[in-house]
C-alpha atoms as a PDB file:
ATOM      1  CA  MET A   1       0.193   0.189   0.384  1.00  0.00           C
ATOM      2  CA  ALA A   2       1.187   3.385  -0.866  1.00  0.00           C
ATOM      3  CA  ASP A   3       1.393   6.209   1.440  1.00  0.00           C
ATOM      4  CA  VAL A   4       0.678   8.732  -0.796  1.00  0.00           C
ATOM      5  CA  THR A   5      -1.414   8.351  -4.568  1.00  0.00           C
ATOM      6  CA  ILE A   6      -1.225  10.853  -6.792  1.00  0.00           C
ATOM      7  CA  HIS A   7      -3.812  11.280  -9.789  1.00  0.00           C
ATOM      8  CA  GLY A   8      -1.945  12.885 -12.646  1.00  0.00           C
ATOM      9  CA  ALA A   9       1.580  12.124 -14.028  1.00  0.00           C
ATOM     10  CA  GLY A  10       2.054  15.579 -15.703  1.00  0.00           C
ATOM     11  CA  ILE A  11       4.493  17.737 -14.296  1.00  0.00           C
ATOM     12  CA  PHE A  12       3.084  18.539 -10.828  1.00  0.00           C
ATOM     13  CA  GLY A  13       2.404  15.052 -10.215  1.00  0.00           C
ATOM     14  CA  LEU A  14       5.804  14.063 -11.101  1.00  0.00           C
ATOM     15  CA  SER A  15       7.680  16.500  -9.473  1.00  0.00           C
ATOM     16  CA  ILE A  16       5.657  15.859  -5.764  1.00  0.00           C
ATOM     17  CA  ALA A  17       5.899  12.470  -6.120  1.00  0.00           C
ATOM     18  CA  TRP A  18       9.720  12.932  -6.491  1.00  0.00           C
ATOM     19  CA  ALA A  19       9.305  15.171  -3.230  1.00  0.00           C
ATOM     20  CA  CYS A  20       7.592  12.499  -1.350  1.00  0.00           C
ATOM     21  CA  ALA A  21      10.097   9.809  -2.231  1.00  0.00           C
ATOM     22  CA  ARG A  22      12.757  11.350  -1.812  1.00  0.00           C
ATOM     23  CA  ARG A  23      11.583  11.684   2.129  1.00  0.00           C
ATOM     24  CA  GLY A  24      11.356   7.817   2.292  1.00  0.00           C
ATOM     25  CA  ALA A  25       7.509   8.055   1.465  1.00  0.00           C
ATOM     26  CA  SER A  26       5.888   4.916  -0.997  1.00  0.00           C
ATOM     27  CA  VAL A  27       4.241   6.692  -3.778  1.00  0.00           C
ATOM     28  CA  GLN A  28       2.201   5.552  -6.790  1.00  0.00           C
ATOM     29  CA  ILE A  29       1.065   7.822  -9.429  1.00  0.00           C
ATOM     30  CA  ILE A  30      -2.276   6.909 -11.495  1.00  0.00           C
ATOM     31  CA  ASP A  31      -2.759   8.173 -14.723  1.00  0.00           C
ATOM     32  CA  PRO A  32      -4.752   6.413 -17.411  1.00  0.00           C
ATOM     33  CA  ASN A  33      -2.652   8.163 -19.911  1.00  0.00           C
ATOM     34  CA  GLY A  34       0.691   7.576 -18.918  1.00  0.00           C
ATOM     35  CA  PRO A  35       3.738  10.004 -18.283  1.00  0.00           C
ATOM     36  CA  GLY A  36       3.051  13.559 -19.694  1.00  0.00           C
ATOM     37  CA  ALA A  37       0.175  12.908 -21.796  1.00  0.00           C
ATOM     38  CA  GLY A  38      -1.471  16.538 -21.223  1.00  0.00           C
ATOM     39  CA  ALA A  39       0.446  19.748 -21.129  1.00  0.00           C
ATOM     40  CA  SER A  40       3.600  18.512 -20.163  1.00  0.00           C
ATOM     41  CA  GLY A  41       4.464  16.459 -23.380  1.00  0.00           C
ATOM     42  CA  GLY A  42       5.354  19.781 -24.868  1.00  0.00           C
ATOM     43  CA  LEU A  43       8.013  20.996 -26.408  1.00  0.00           C
ATOM     44  CA  VAL A  44       8.745  24.663 -25.599  1.00  0.00           C
ATOM     45  CA  GLY A  45      10.201  24.649 -22.177  1.00  0.00           C
ATOM     46  CA  ALA A  46      10.682  28.156 -21.065  1.00  0.00           C
ATOM     47  CA  LEU A  47      12.070  28.505 -17.420  1.00  0.00           C
ATOM     48  CA  ALA A  48      12.077  32.516 -16.875  1.00  0.00           C
ATOM     49  CA  PRO A  49      10.760  34.724 -14.039  1.00  0.00           C
ATOM     50  CA  HIS A  50       8.876  37.622 -14.004  1.00  0.00           C
ATOM     51  CA  THR A  51      10.392  40.998 -14.480  1.00  0.00           C
ATOM     52  CA  PRO A  52      12.210  42.306 -11.373  1.00  0.00           C
ATOM     53  CA  GLU A  53       9.171  44.679 -10.138  1.00  0.00           C
ATOM     54  CA  ASN A  54       6.196  44.973  -7.647  1.00  0.00           C
ATOM     55  CA  TRP A  55       7.445  42.069  -5.848  1.00  0.00           C
ATOM     56  CA  ASN A  56       4.814  39.436  -4.679  1.00  0.00           C
ATOM     57  CA  ASP A  57       4.178  35.678  -3.091  1.00  0.00           C
ATOM     58  CA  LYS A  58       4.507  34.469  -6.956  1.00  0.00           C
ATOM     59  CA  LYS A  59       7.363  36.068  -8.217  1.00  0.00           C
ATOM     60  CA  GLN A  60       9.301  35.124  -5.009  1.00  0.00           C
ATOM     61  CA  MET A  61       8.484  31.397  -5.115  1.00  0.00           C
ATOM     62  CA  GLN A  62       8.939  31.350  -8.995  1.00  0.00           C
ATOM     63  CA  PHE A  63      13.060  32.850  -8.184  1.00  0.00           C
ATOM     64  CA  ASP A  64      13.126  30.360  -5.233  1.00  0.00           C
ATOM     65  CA  SER A  65      11.911  27.771  -7.919  1.00  0.00           C
ATOM     66  CA  LEU A  66      14.507  28.673 -10.473  1.00  0.00           C
ATOM     67  CA  VAL A  67      17.054  28.508  -8.128  1.00  0.00           C
ATOM     68  CA  MET A  68      16.038  24.994  -6.963  1.00  0.00           C
ATOM     69  CA  ALA A  69      15.756  23.828 -10.365  1.00  0.00           C
ATOM     70  CA  GLU A  70      19.535  22.775 -11.321  1.00  0.00           C
ATOM     71  CA  THR A  71      19.849  20.922  -8.288  1.00  0.00           C
ATOM     72  CA  VAL A  72      16.797  18.834  -8.844  1.00  0.00           C
ATOM     73  CA  TRP A  73      17.256  18.431 -12.399  1.00  0.00           C
ATOM     74  CA  ALA A  74      20.695  17.213 -11.915  1.00  0.00           C
ATOM     75  CA  SER A  75      19.709  14.871  -9.481  1.00  0.00           C
ATOM     76  CA  VAL A  76      16.828  13.411 -11.710  1.00  0.00           C
ATOM     77  CA  ALA A  77      19.109  12.818 -14.648  1.00  0.00           C
ATOM     78  CA  ASP A  78      21.535  10.828 -12.583  1.00  0.00           C
ATOM     79  CA  LEU A  79      19.350   8.644 -11.052  1.00  0.00           C
ATOM     80  CA  SER A  80      17.235   8.250 -14.245  1.00  0.00           C
ATOM     81  CA  GLY A  81      20.739   8.035 -17.078  1.00  0.00           C
ATOM     82  CA  GLU A  82      18.449  10.201 -18.860  1.00  0.00           C
ATOM     83  CA  ASN A  83      19.109  14.222 -20.259  1.00  0.00           C
ATOM     84  CA  PRO A  84      16.038  16.592 -19.359  1.00  0.00           C
ATOM     85  CA  GLY A  85      17.655  18.965 -21.292  1.00  0.00           C
ATOM     86  CA  TYR A  86      18.347  21.160 -18.672  1.00  0.00           C
ATOM     87  CA  ALA A  87      20.458  24.231 -18.882  1.00  0.00           C
ATOM     88  CA  ARG A  88      20.601  28.268 -18.024  1.00  0.00           C
ATOM     89  CA  PHE A  89      21.875  30.226 -20.808  1.00  0.00           C
ATOM     90  CA  GLY A  90      19.682  33.237 -19.969  1.00  0.00           C
ATOM     91  CA  ARG A  91      16.937  34.815 -22.106  1.00  0.00           C
ATOM     92  CA  VAL A  92      16.988  37.856 -24.271  1.00  0.00           C
ATOM     93  CA  GLN A  93      14.390  40.140 -25.092  1.00  0.00           C
ATOM     94  CA  PRO A  94      14.434  43.399 -27.727  1.00  0.00           C
ATOM     95  CA  ILE A  95      14.151  46.782 -26.485  1.00  0.00           C
ATOM     96  CA  ALA A  96      11.904  48.712 -28.759  1.00  0.00           C
ATOM     97  CA  ASP A  97      12.312  52.404 -28.385  1.00  0.00           C
ATOM     98  CA  ASP A  98      14.129  54.692 -25.165  1.00  0.00           C
ATOM     99  CA  ALA A  99      10.929  54.191 -23.020  1.00  0.00           C
ATOM    100  CA  ALA A 100      11.853  50.458 -23.019  1.00  0.00           C
ATOM    101  CA  LEU A 101      14.983  51.194 -22.561  1.00  0.00           C
ATOM    102  CA  ARG A 102      14.842  53.317 -19.566  1.00  0.00           C
ATOM    103  CA  LEU A 103      12.387  50.329 -18.043  1.00  0.00           C
ATOM    104  CA  ALA A 104      15.262  48.318 -18.905  1.00  0.00           C
ATOM    105  CA  GLU A 105      17.861  50.439 -17.120  1.00  0.00           C
ATOM    106  CA  ALA A 106      15.177  50.270 -13.966  1.00  0.00           C
ATOM    107  CA  ARG A 107      14.725  46.897 -13.760  1.00  0.00           C
ATOM    108  CA  ALA A 108      18.779  46.089 -13.704  1.00  0.00           C
ATOM    109  CA  ALA A 109      18.438  48.187 -10.827  1.00  0.00           C
ATOM    110  CA  THR A 110      15.757  46.273  -8.878  1.00  0.00           C
ATOM    111  CA  ALA A 111      17.346  42.860 -10.251  1.00  0.00           C
ATOM    112  CA  ARG A 112      20.245  43.463  -8.368  1.00  0.00           C
ATOM    113  CA  THR A 113      18.561  43.906  -4.961  1.00  0.00           C
ATOM    114  CA  LEU A 114      15.194  41.286  -5.794  1.00  0.00           C
ATOM    115  CA  TRP A 115      17.274  38.579  -7.086  1.00  0.00           C
ATOM    116  CA  GLN A 116      20.043  38.603  -4.374  1.00  0.00           C
ATOM    117  CA  GLY A 117      23.034  39.760  -6.513  1.00  0.00           C
ATOM    118  CA  ARG A 118      22.762  36.419  -7.595  1.00  0.00           C
ATOM    119  CA  PHE A 119      21.719  37.331 -11.256  1.00  0.00           C
ATOM    120  CA  ASP A 120      21.350  40.019 -13.587  1.00  0.00           C
ATOM    121  CA  TRP A 121      19.309  41.720 -15.843  1.00  0.00           C
ATOM    122  CA  GLN A 122      21.643  43.522 -18.658  1.00  0.00           C
ATOM    123  CA  ILE A 123      21.670  45.422 -21.586  1.00  0.00           C
ATOM    124  CA  VAL A 124      23.398  44.301 -24.540  1.00  0.00           C
ATOM    125  CA  PRO A 125      23.784  45.279 -27.981  1.00  0.00           C
ATOM    126  CA  GLN A 126      22.250  42.485 -30.196  1.00  0.00           C
ATOM    127  CA  GLU A 127      26.117  41.865 -31.916  1.00  0.00           C
ATOM    128  CA  ALA A 128      26.410  39.666 -29.264  1.00  0.00           C
ATOM    129  CA  TYR A 129      24.003  37.041 -30.024  1.00  0.00           C
ATOM    130  CA  ALA A 130      24.384  37.432 -33.840  1.00  0.00           C
ATOM    131  CA  PRO A 131      21.285  35.089 -34.547  1.00  0.00           C
ATOM    132  CA  TYR A 132      18.860  36.785 -33.166  1.00  0.00           C
ATOM    133  CA  ALA A 133      17.552  40.102 -35.413  1.00  0.00           C
ATOM    134  CA  CYS A 134      14.970  41.444 -33.649  1.00  0.00           C
ATOM    135  CA  SER A 135      15.999  44.442 -31.885  1.00  0.00           C
ATOM    136  CA  ALA A 136      15.151  48.206 -33.291  1.00  0.00           C
ATOM    137  CA  THR A 137      16.981  49.842 -31.143  1.00  0.00           C
ATOM    138  CA  GLY A 138      20.043  47.496 -31.502  1.00  0.00           C
ATOM    139  CA  LEU A 139      19.834  46.671 -27.945  1.00  0.00           C
ATOM    140  CA  LEU A 140      18.586  43.413 -25.862  1.00  0.00           C
ATOM    141  CA  ILE A 141      17.723  42.869 -22.572  1.00  0.00           C
ATOM    142  CA  HIS A 142      19.650  39.655 -21.069  1.00  0.00           C
ATOM    143  CA  ASP A 143      18.700  37.881 -18.068  1.00  0.00           C
ATOM    144  CA  THR A 144      20.661  35.145 -16.489  1.00  0.00           C
ATOM    145  CA  LEU A 145      18.646  34.233 -14.424  1.00  0.00           C
ATOM    146  CA  SER A 146      16.277  32.194 -17.523  1.00  0.00           C
ATOM    147  CA  ALA A 147      16.792  28.218 -18.101  1.00  0.00           C
ATOM    148  CA  ARG A 148      15.337  25.934 -20.551  1.00  0.00           C
ATOM    149  CA  LEU A 149      14.556  22.483 -20.632  1.00  0.00           C
ATOM    150  CA  HIS A 150      12.907  19.901 -22.761  1.00  0.00           C
ATOM    151  CA  PRO A 151       9.325  19.186 -21.720  1.00  0.00           C
ATOM    152  CA  ARG A 152       9.143  15.580 -22.756  1.00  0.00           C
ATOM    153  CA  ARG A 153      12.235  14.668 -22.247  1.00  0.00           C
ATOM    154  CA  ALA A 154      12.392  16.317 -18.733  1.00  0.00           C
ATOM    155  CA  THR A 155       8.726  14.411 -18.167  1.00  0.00           C
ATOM    156  CA  MET A 156       9.939  11.252 -19.364  1.00  0.00           C
ATOM    157  CA  ALA A 157      13.630  11.153 -17.334  1.00  0.00           C
ATOM    158  CA  LEU A 158      11.596  12.136 -13.974  1.00  0.00           C
ATOM    159  CA  ALA A 159       8.831   9.580 -14.247  1.00  0.00           C
ATOM    160  CA  LYS A 160      12.025   7.204 -15.149  1.00  0.00           C
ATOM    161  CA  ALA A 161      14.150   8.507 -11.798  1.00  0.00           C
ATOM    162  CA  LEU A 162      10.908   7.648  -9.632  1.00  0.00           C
ATOM    163  CA  ASP A 163      10.623   4.286 -10.897  1.00  0.00           C
ATOM    164  CA  ARG A 164      14.167   3.817 -10.118  1.00  0.00           C
ATOM    165  CA  ASN A 165      13.433   4.901  -6.285  1.00  0.00           C
ATOM    166  CA  GLY A 166      10.900   2.843  -5.906  1.00  0.00           C
ATOM    167  CA  ALA A 167       8.028   4.599  -6.929  1.00  0.00           C
ATOM    168  CA  ARG A 168       4.778   3.116  -9.191  1.00  0.00           C
ATOM    169  CA  ILE A 169       3.815   4.496 -12.416  1.00  0.00           C
ATOM    170  CA  THR A 170       0.444   3.105 -13.111  1.00  0.00           C
ATOM    171  CA  THR A 171      -2.493   3.776 -15.686  1.00  0.00           C
ATOM    172  CA  ASP A 172      -4.985   1.751 -13.152  1.00  0.00           C
ATOM    173  CA  GLY A 173      -4.831   1.493  -9.623  1.00  0.00           C
ATOM    174  CA  ILE A 174      -6.523   1.293  -5.753  1.00  0.00           C
ATOM    175  CA  ALA A 175      -5.645   4.468  -4.087  1.00  0.00           C
ATOM    176  CA  THR A 176      -4.279   4.385  -0.927  1.00  0.00           C
ATOM    177  CA  GLY A 177      -2.841   6.502   1.659  1.00  0.00           C
ATOM    178  CA  HIS A 178      -2.789  10.231   1.230  1.00  0.00           C
ATOM    179  CA  GLN A 179      -4.040  11.385  -2.289  1.00  0.00           C
ATOM    180  CA  VAL A 180      -3.173  14.283  -5.053  1.00  0.00           C
ATOM    181  CA  TRP A 181      -5.169  15.366  -7.570  1.00  0.00           C
ATOM    182  CA  ALA A 182      -2.779  16.848 -10.271  1.00  0.00           C
ATOM    183  CA  THR A 183      -4.938  16.005 -13.658  1.00  0.00           C
ATOM    184  CA  GLY A 184      -4.702  19.225 -15.631  1.00  0.00           C
ATOM    185  CA  ALA A 185      -7.091  20.727 -17.469  1.00  0.00           C
ATOM    186  CA  ALA A 186      -9.493  17.892 -17.298  1.00  0.00           C
ATOM    187  CA  GLY A 187      -9.530  18.358 -13.518  1.00  0.00           C
ATOM    188  CA  LEU A 188     -10.191  22.032 -13.568  1.00  0.00           C
ATOM    189  CA  LEU A 189     -13.207  21.108 -16.232  1.00  0.00           C
ATOM    190  CA  GLU A 190     -14.730  18.844 -13.414  1.00  0.00           C
ATOM    191  CA  LEU A 191     -14.131  21.245 -10.428  1.00  0.00           C
ATOM    192  CA  SER A 192     -15.778  23.496 -12.060  1.00  0.00           C
ATOM    193  CA  GLU A 193     -18.844  21.805 -12.967  1.00  0.00           C
ATOM    194  CA  THR A 194     -18.956  19.991  -9.428  1.00  0.00           C
ATOM    195  CA  LEU A 195     -19.238  23.430  -7.695  1.00  0.00           C
ATOM    196  CA  ASN A 196     -21.652  24.853 -10.663  1.00  0.00           C
ATOM    197  CA  THR A 197     -18.947  27.776 -11.015  1.00  0.00           C
ATOM    198  CA  PRO A 198     -15.680  28.489 -12.974  1.00  0.00           C
ATOM    199  CA  VAL A 199     -12.695  27.936 -11.438  1.00  0.00           C
ATOM    200  CA  GLY A 200     -10.251  27.189 -14.512  1.00  0.00           C
ATOM    201  CA  THR A 201     -10.310  25.639 -17.593  1.00  0.00           C
ATOM    202  CA  GLY A 202      -8.156  24.512 -20.562  1.00  0.00           C
ATOM    203  CA  VAL A 203      -5.869  26.902 -22.838  1.00  0.00           C
ATOM    204  CA  LYS A 204      -5.155  25.208 -26.043  1.00  0.00           C
ATOM    205  CA  GLY A 205      -1.176  25.969 -27.227  1.00  0.00           C
ATOM    206  CA  GLN A 206       0.579  25.256 -30.206  1.00  0.00           C
ATOM    207  CA  ALA A 207       3.878  24.695 -30.513  1.00  0.00           C
ATOM    208  CA  ALA A 208       6.630  23.574 -33.121  1.00  0.00           C
ATOM    209  CA  LEU A 209      10.056  22.223 -32.922  1.00  0.00           C
ATOM    210  CA  LEU A 210      12.478  22.625 -36.239  1.00  0.00           C
ATOM    211  CA  GLY A 211      16.201  21.162 -36.830  1.00  0.00           C
ATOM    212  CA  PHE A 212      18.221  24.409 -35.862  1.00  0.00           C
ATOM    213  CA  ASP A 213      21.030  23.952 -33.537  1.00  0.00           C
ATOM    214  CA  GLY A 214      21.587  26.643 -31.110  1.00  0.00           C
ATOM    215  CA  ARG A 215      22.227  24.995 -27.836  1.00  0.00           C
ATOM    216  CA  SER A 216      24.591  27.134 -26.776  1.00  0.00           C
ATOM    217  CA  LEU A 217      22.363  30.345 -27.344  1.00  0.00           C
ATOM    218  CA  PRO A 218      20.113  31.706 -24.791  1.00  0.00           C
ATOM    219  CA  GLN A 219      16.459  31.808 -25.829  1.00  0.00           C
ATOM    220  CA  LEU A 220      14.772  34.752 -26.552  1.00  0.00           C
ATOM    221  CA  PHE A 221      10.983  36.325 -25.989  1.00  0.00           C
ATOM    222  CA  ALA A 222       9.672  38.742 -28.468  1.00  0.00           C
ATOM    223  CA  ASP A 223       6.507  39.766 -29.493  1.00  0.00           C
ATOM    224  CA  GLY A 224       4.433  37.415 -27.411  1.00  0.00           C
ATOM    225  CA  LEU A 225       7.061  34.327 -28.810  1.00  0.00           C
ATOM    226  CA  HIS A 226       9.601  32.039 -27.064  1.00  0.00           C
ATOM    227  CA  ILE A 227      12.335  30.623 -29.040  1.00  0.00           C
ATOM    228  CA  ILE A 228      14.270  27.930 -27.321  1.00  0.00           C
ATOM    229  CA  PRO A 229      17.295  26.529 -28.487  1.00  0.00           C
ATOM    230  CA  HIS A 230      17.381  23.002 -27.183  1.00  0.00           C
ATOM    231  CA  ALA A 231      20.016  20.675 -25.585  1.00  0.00           C
ATOM    232  CA  ASP A 232      19.372  18.141 -28.685  1.00  0.00           C
ATOM    233  CA  GLY A 233      20.041  20.338 -31.159  1.00  0.00           C
ATOM    234  CA  THR A 234      16.670  21.410 -31.864  1.00  0.00           C
ATOM    235  CA  THR A 235      14.799  24.568 -31.667  1.00  0.00           C
ATOM    236  CA  ALA A 236      11.498  24.740 -30.079  1.00  0.00           C
ATOM    237  CA  ILE A 237       9.248  27.549 -30.881  1.00  0.00           C
ATOM    238  CA  GLY A 238       5.590  28.162 -28.902  1.00  0.00           C
ATOM    239  CA  SER A 239       3.133  29.643 -28.049  1.00  0.00           C
ATOM    240  CA  THR A 240      -0.426  30.331 -29.109  1.00  0.00           C
ATOM    241  CA  SER A 241      -2.906  30.983 -26.146  1.00  0.00           C
ATOM    242  CA  GLU A 242      -6.588  30.007 -27.357  1.00  0.00           C
ATOM    243  CA  ARG A 243      -9.872  30.168 -25.641  1.00  0.00           C
ATOM    244  CA  VAL A 244     -11.846  29.149 -28.717  1.00  0.00           C
ATOM    245  CA  TYR A 245     -10.602  26.105 -30.216  1.00  0.00           C
ATOM    246  CA  ASP A 246     -12.370  23.292 -32.084  1.00  0.00           C
ATOM    247  CA  THR A 247      -9.774  20.727 -31.439  1.00  0.00           C
ATOM    248  CA  PRO A 248      -7.566  20.648 -28.120  1.00  0.00           C
ATOM    249  CA  ASP A 249      -5.082  18.913 -29.611  1.00  0.00           C
ATOM    250  CA  GLY A 250      -5.222  19.824 -33.575  1.00  0.00           C
ATOM    251  CA  THR A 251      -2.471  22.021 -34.941  1.00  0.00           C
ATOM    252  CA  ASP A 252      -3.454  24.629 -37.592  1.00  0.00           C
ATOM    253  CA  ALA A 253      -2.549  27.921 -39.794  1.00  0.00           C
ATOM    254  CA  ARG A 254      -1.976  30.188 -36.572  1.00  0.00           C
ATOM    255  CA  LEU A 255       0.887  27.327 -35.551  1.00  0.00           C
ATOM    256  CA  GLU A 256       2.188  28.370 -39.360  1.00  0.00           C
ATOM    257  CA  THR A 257       1.980  32.423 -38.115  1.00  0.00           C
ATOM    258  CA  LEU A 258       4.404  31.582 -35.304  1.00  0.00           C
ATOM    259  CA  ILE A 259       6.534  29.855 -37.058  1.00  0.00           C
ATOM    260  CA  THR A 260       7.081  32.810 -39.974  1.00  0.00           C
ATOM    261  CA  LYS A 261       7.174  34.941 -37.160  1.00  0.00           C
ATOM    262  CA  ALA A 262      10.026  33.139 -35.709  1.00  0.00           C
ATOM    263  CA  ARG A 263      12.016  32.674 -38.869  1.00  0.00           C
ATOM    264  CA  GLN A 264      11.427  36.538 -38.893  1.00  0.00           C
ATOM    265  CA  LEU A 265      13.233  37.063 -35.744  1.00  0.00           C
ATOM    266  CA  CYS A 266      16.037  34.350 -36.021  1.00  0.00           C
ATOM    267  CA  PRO A 267      16.765  34.115 -39.900  1.00  0.00           C
ATOM    268  CA  PRO A 268      18.316  31.116 -39.101  1.00  0.00           C
ATOM    269  CA  LEU A 269      15.024  29.725 -38.510  1.00  0.00           C
ATOM    270  CA  ALA A 270      14.369  29.547 -42.280  1.00  0.00           C
ATOM    271  CA  LYS A 271      15.836  27.059 -43.702  1.00  0.00           C
ATOM    272  CA  ALA A 272      15.343  25.329 -40.650  1.00  0.00           C
ATOM    273  CA  PRO A 273      12.514  21.869 -41.731  1.00  0.00           C
ATOM    274  CA  VAL A 274      10.329  21.944 -39.099  1.00  0.00           C
ATOM    275  CA  LEU A 275      10.369  18.250 -37.190  1.00  0.00           C
ATOM    276  CA  THR A 276       7.326  18.350 -35.228  1.00  0.00           C
ATOM    277  CA  ARG A 277       4.078  20.018 -34.778  1.00  0.00           C
ATOM    278  CA  TRP A 278       2.148  19.865 -31.076  1.00  0.00           C
ATOM    279  CA  ALA A 279      -1.344  21.372 -29.621  1.00  0.00           C
ATOM    280  CA  GLY A 280      -2.656  20.747 -26.256  1.00  0.00           C
ATOM    281  CA  LEU A 281      -4.642  22.002 -23.235  1.00  0.00           C
ATOM    282  CA  ARG A 282      -2.557  24.062 -20.157  1.00  0.00           C
ATOM    283  CA  PRO A 283      -4.471  24.256 -17.345  1.00  0.00           C
ATOM    284  CA  ARG A 284      -5.304  28.039 -16.355  1.00  0.00           C
ATOM    285  CA  ALA A 285      -6.803  28.323 -12.549  1.00  0.00           C
ATOM    286  CA  ARG A 286      -9.035  31.388 -12.108  1.00  0.00           C
ATOM    287  CA  SER A 287      -6.818  33.670 -10.000  1.00  0.00           C
ATOM    288  CA  ARG A 288      -3.870  32.481 -12.710  1.00  0.00           C
ATOM    289  CA  ALA A 289      -1.870  31.009 -10.000  1.00  0.00           C
ATOM    290  CA  PRO A 290      -1.970  27.414  -9.086  1.00  0.00           C
ATOM    291  CA  MET A 291      -4.182  25.869  -6.589  1.00  0.00           C
ATOM    292  CA  LEU A 292      -2.229  24.149  -4.109  1.00  0.00           C
ATOM    293  CA  GLY A 293      -3.475  22.806  -0.555  1.00  0.00           C
ATOM    294  CA  PRO A 294      -6.429  20.866   0.423  1.00  0.00           C
ATOM    295  CA  HIS A 295      -8.932  20.205  -2.162  1.00  0.00           C
ATOM    296  CA  PRO A 296     -12.287  21.684  -2.042  1.00  0.00           C
ATOM    297  CA  THR A 297     -14.816  18.946  -3.214  1.00  0.00           C
ATOM    298  CA  LYS A 298     -12.889  15.682  -1.571  1.00  0.00           C
ATOM    299  CA  PRO A 299     -12.199  16.190   1.737  1.00  0.00           C
ATOM    300  CA  GLY A 300      -8.944  15.125   3.308  1.00  0.00           C
ATOM    301  CA  GLN A 301      -7.338  14.805   0.560  1.00  0.00           C
ATOM    302  CA  PHE A 302      -5.253  17.327  -1.558  1.00  0.00           C
ATOM    303  CA  ILE A 303      -4.950  19.581  -4.898  1.00  0.00           C
ATOM    304  CA  ALA A 304      -1.757  20.797  -7.069  1.00  0.00           C
ATOM    305  CA  ASN A 305      -3.335  22.102 -10.842  1.00  0.00           C
ATOM    306  CA  GLY A 306      -3.315  25.150 -12.652  1.00  0.00           C
ATOM    307  CA  GLY A 307       0.365  25.741 -13.743  1.00  0.00           C
ATOM    308  CA  PHE A 308      -0.776  27.404 -17.165  1.00  0.00           C
ATOM    309  CA  LYS A 309       2.749  28.375 -19.034  1.00  0.00           C
ATOM    310  CA  ILE A 310       4.710  28.377 -15.432  1.00  0.00           C
ATOM    311  CA  GLY A 311       4.464  24.757 -14.796  1.00  0.00           C
ATOM    312  CA  PHE A 312       7.843  23.385 -15.028  1.00  0.00           C
ATOM    313  CA  GLY A 313       9.441  26.645 -13.936  1.00  0.00           C
ATOM    314  CA  MET A 314       7.588  26.294 -10.180  1.00  0.00           C
ATOM    315  CA  ALA A 315       7.478  22.228 -10.111  1.00  0.00           C
ATOM    316  CA  PRO A 316      10.478  21.872  -7.839  1.00  0.00           C
ATOM    317  CA  VAL A 317       9.430  24.311  -4.997  1.00  0.00           C
ATOM    318  CA  ILE A 318       5.699  23.010  -5.562  1.00  0.00           C
ATOM    319  CA  GLY A 319       6.670  19.494  -5.145  1.00  0.00           C
ATOM    320  CA  GLU A 320       8.793  20.856  -2.088  1.00  0.00           C
ATOM    321  CA  LEU A 321       5.207  22.435  -0.443  1.00  0.00           C
ATOM    322  CA  MET A 322       3.072  20.001  -1.491  1.00  0.00           C
ATOM    323  CA  ALA A 323       5.357  17.175   0.418  1.00  0.00           C
ATOM    324  CA  ASP A 324       5.589  19.449   3.565  1.00  0.00           C
ATOM    325  CA  LEU A 325       2.123  19.864   3.669  1.00  0.00           C
ATOM    326  CA  ILE A 326       1.118  16.210   2.972  1.00  0.00           C
ATOM    327  CA  LEU A 327       3.500  14.468   4.709  1.00  0.00           C
ATOM    328  CA  ASP A 328       4.423  16.607   7.907  1.00  0.00           C
ATOM    329  CA  ALA A 329       0.840  18.813   7.836  1.00  0.00           C
ATOM    330  CA  HIS A 330       3.278  21.633   7.367  1.00  0.00           C
ATOM    331  CA  ASP A 331       1.378  24.296   5.202  1.00  0.00           C
ATOM    332  CA  HIS A 332       3.045  27.266   4.161  1.00  0.00           C
ATOM    333  CA  ILE A 333       1.698  27.770   0.543  1.00  0.00           C
ATOM    334  CA  PRO A 334       0.923  31.220  -0.023  1.00  0.00           C
ATOM    335  CA  ASP A 335      -2.954  32.737   0.070  1.00  0.00           C
ATOM    336  CA  SER A 336      -2.692  33.267  -3.259  1.00  0.00           C
ATOM    337  CA  PHE A 337      -1.489  29.648  -4.496  1.00  0.00           C
ATOM    338  CA  ARG A 338      -4.577  28.518  -2.507  1.00  0.00           C
ATOM    339  CA  PRO A 339      -7.567  26.845  -3.909  1.00  0.00           C
ATOM    340  CA  GLU A 340      -9.505  29.717  -2.188  1.00  0.00           C
ATOM    341  CA  ALA A 341      -8.273  32.035  -4.662  1.00  0.00           C
ATOM    342  CA  SER A 342      -9.762  30.515  -7.394  1.00  0.00           C
ATOM    343  CA  LEU A 343     -13.258  30.201  -5.775  1.00  0.00           C
ATOM    344  CA  PRO A 344     -15.761  32.708  -5.722  1.00  0.00           C
ATOM    345  CA  LYS A 345     -16.184  34.651  -3.058  1.00  0.00           C
ATOM    346  CA  PRO A 346     -18.683  33.816  -0.387  1.00  0.00           C
END
């Protein structure tokens, strides 16, 4: 019998399982579709911070998680023997005009304090990163905190590491011990139906993987588009955010628009073949922050859902927060991350 049963083998479920198993708990993960079958089986993998200003619980947790990530993914790689594609090469963003330059300079100053002097928010010439041709001023922001991983490879590496650590991943099983529901977009829609009020939904995203080797480059974020060079010699671009769609897992012309834009921002991509297209639903809670803590409709059980675009970036710290709560009854989840933040006010 397992001490902890986790429903859902996406990045939240696997990360909580990892934190619990590393503390000696026996863990089973139940997912009828297997690891990474939903949003966690995507392609992009941008582990990037919010801007260093207007600090709050969400930004602090994300900072803590991004700092933790290097150690967590190194441990996963060591135990699994698989490369999750983690590396911290930072992120560049174009500076459009003088107003954006002044804002970037102000954020550089606040980053020195808020990022504890460990990482920088720098202004650099575009020539330093020649493949990227996207800045009207010839200047870029380069933050040294951002990292990347390959979501599919990372999910599979984590599942293999859990197996080697004694955890059981199954498509069906009898739940025992503490139960955690990390069931992604389907779980949010089910919860909304149970409560007869919208507490979260699935937002469709589309992405593509191109055959361009830029593995030593930082990632680029420009005009809402991520370009992520991966460690395996491919480059991911994404993603759309679609509230209205016909098929949750089908790609269409909106992805072609992203590919065209990416080739303009990074000219070497113009000749790169499209290797893979992906589409799926990312779970977005009503509050926009993940829902963590006691489950609102399942007494004595727990929920971890709503990673949306920051699931992989937040996963290391969420795993530890939930393990503290589940195994030690130590609850230090910020109010903005509790399920109540996504529920209607009474």
